[in-house]
Protein backbone atom coordinates (compact mmCIF):
# COMPACT_ATOMS: atom_id res chain seq x y z
CA MET A 1 40.24 -6.45 158.52
CA GLY A 2 38.15 -9.55 158.51
CA LEU A 3 37.54 -12.69 156.48
CA TYR A 4 34.12 -13.17 154.91
CA TRP A 5 32.71 -16.19 153.05
CA ARG A 6 30.16 -15.28 150.39
CA GLN A 7 28.32 -17.35 147.82
CA LEU A 8 29.37 -15.69 144.58
CA PHE A 9 27.50 -17.80 142.01
CA ASN A 10 25.16 -20.74 141.57
CA THR A 11 23.31 -22.66 138.93
CA ALA A 12 20.92 -25.56 138.86
CA GLY A 13 21.12 -25.91 135.10
CA GLU A 14 22.84 -27.94 132.47
CA SER A 15 24.83 -26.49 129.61
CA THR A 16 27.30 -27.90 127.09
CA THR A 17 28.13 -24.36 125.92
CA LEU A 18 29.33 -21.46 128.09
CA ALA A 19 26.33 -20.11 129.98
CA ALA A 20 25.93 -17.34 132.55
CA MET A 21 25.72 -18.30 136.20
CA ASN A 22 23.27 -16.85 138.73
CA ALA A 23 24.58 -14.10 141.00
CA GLY A 24 25.03 -14.92 144.68
CA THR A 25 22.10 -16.93 146.00
CA THR A 26 19.62 -15.58 143.46
CA ALA A 27 17.98 -17.33 140.53
CA THR A 28 18.94 -14.43 138.23
CA THR A 29 21.91 -14.63 135.87
CA GLY A 30 24.37 -11.81 136.12
CA PRO A 31 27.40 -10.47 137.93
CA PHE A 32 28.19 -10.61 141.64
CA ARG A 33 29.01 -7.30 143.33
CA PRO A 34 31.31 -7.77 146.37
CA PRO A 35 29.92 -6.15 149.54
CA ILE A 36 33.41 -4.94 150.53
CA SER A 37 36.70 -4.07 148.87
CA GLY A 38 39.75 -6.19 149.59
CA ARG A 39 41.23 -9.47 148.35
CA LEU A 40 39.54 -12.59 147.06
CA LEU A 41 41.75 -15.24 148.66
CA LYS A 42 40.03 -18.51 147.86
CA LEU A 43 37.33 -19.99 145.63
CA VAL A 44 35.40 -23.12 146.54
CA LEU A 45 33.42 -25.04 143.92
CA MET A 46 30.71 -27.46 145.01
CA VAL A 47 29.53 -29.87 142.30
CA GLY A 48 26.31 -31.51 143.33
CA SER A 49 23.15 -33.03 142.04
CA GLU A 50 19.44 -32.56 142.50
CA ALA A 51 18.11 -36.08 142.05
CA ALA A 52 19.16 -39.73 142.23
CA THR A 53 19.19 -39.76 138.43
CA SER A 54 21.59 -36.80 138.15
CA LEU A 55 24.51 -37.26 135.78
CA VAL A 56 27.37 -34.86 136.45
CA GLU A 57 30.71 -35.30 134.72
CA ASP A 58 33.26 -32.48 134.58
CA VAL A 59 32.54 -28.78 134.73
CA ARG A 60 34.60 -25.66 134.01
CA ILE A 61 33.80 -22.21 135.37
CA GLU A 62 35.33 -19.03 133.97
CA ILE A 63 35.28 -16.14 136.44
CA THR A 64 36.13 -12.67 135.15
CA CYS A 65 36.79 -9.26 136.68
CA THR A 66 38.28 -6.12 135.12
CA LEU A 67 40.55 -5.66 138.17
CA TRP A 68 42.50 -8.84 137.42
CA THR A 69 45.44 -9.35 135.06
CA PRO A 70 44.80 -11.61 133.28
CA ASN A 71 41.13 -10.92 133.84
CA MET A 72 39.86 -14.55 133.83
CA LEU A 73 40.23 -17.38 136.34
CA ALA A 74 39.30 -20.87 135.16
CA ILE A 75 38.35 -23.40 137.83
CA GLY A 76 36.82 -26.81 137.47
CA GLY A 77 35.85 -30.04 139.05
CA ASN A 78 34.53 -33.44 138.22
CA GLY A 79 31.21 -34.95 139.10
CA SER A 80 30.55 -38.42 140.36
CA GLY A 81 28.88 -39.93 137.32
CA LEU A 82 25.33 -41.20 137.56
CA ARG A 83 23.92 -40.46 140.99
CA THR A 84 22.72 -43.70 142.46
CA ALA A 85 22.16 -44.59 146.09
CA THR A 86 25.73 -45.90 146.46
CA THR A 87 27.58 -43.05 144.72
CA PRO A 88 29.23 -40.65 147.18
CA GLN A 89 29.03 -36.90 146.81
CA HIS A 90 32.33 -35.12 146.05
CA LEU A 91 34.03 -32.92 148.57
CA PRO A 92 34.29 -29.25 147.53
CA PHE A 93 37.13 -28.25 145.18
CA GLU A 94 39.28 -25.45 146.65
CA PHE A 95 41.40 -22.91 144.74
CA ASP A 96 43.80 -20.30 146.16
CA VAL A 97 43.49 -17.16 144.04
CA ASP A 98 44.58 -13.92 145.85
CA GLN A 99 42.95 -11.34 143.55
CA PRO A 100 41.72 -7.80 144.30
CA VAL A 101 38.00 -7.09 144.60
CA ALA A 102 36.16 -3.80 144.93
CA LYS A 103 32.62 -3.08 146.04
CA ASP A 104 32.07 -1.01 142.89
CA THR A 105 33.41 -3.62 140.41
CA ASP A 106 31.43 -6.65 139.25
CA ILE A 107 32.67 -10.22 139.07
CA ASP A 108 31.07 -12.40 136.39
CA ALA A 109 31.00 -16.16 135.80
CA ASN A 110 30.08 -18.61 133.06
CA TYR A 111 30.01 -22.40 133.27
CA ILE A 112 30.14 -25.34 130.90
CA HIS A 113 29.78 -29.08 131.31
CA ASP A 114 32.74 -30.21 129.19
CA SER A 115 31.78 -33.83 128.66
CA GLY A 116 28.79 -36.10 128.68
CA VAL A 117 25.21 -34.98 128.85
CA PRO A 118 24.57 -33.29 132.21
CA VAL A 119 21.29 -33.96 133.99
CA THR A 120 19.99 -31.97 136.99
CA SER A 121 23.35 -30.71 138.22
CA ARG A 122 23.85 -28.10 140.91
CA LEU A 123 26.91 -25.82 141.06
CA ARG A 124 27.87 -23.41 143.82
CA VAL A 125 30.90 -21.08 143.91
CA PHE A 126 31.91 -19.55 147.25
CA GLY A 127 34.61 -16.94 147.80
CA LEU A 128 36.69 -16.02 150.83
CA ILE A 129 37.09 -12.24 150.84
CA GLN A 130 39.51 -10.40 153.08
CA GLY A 131 38.51 -6.81 153.64
């Protein structure tokens, strides 16, 4: 058994309604298929920006898998407001989850910026898989 970090999802978009995230490191929306079966032990959310003018407030991500009961995990984080030269970047948000994963079962994710008007945000979701 080993521990493996994988990027599960990403997006470089802005949405004030639930929108699909990109799978893994791709630019294509859709589910992530784990490379191994085991346990998803931790999720890490990185809320970033792409430009000095980025405006990132809070974000919610809903991650679903048919193996889980209940089948949806909701994680979130806050941004740092308007990105100016003096505004620090947030540290990653970490969540302990301990859920089963299987290499033949997809995991899906949608995101929403809950407040404000997001501009050039960047979201990354990493998972620690034990398998």
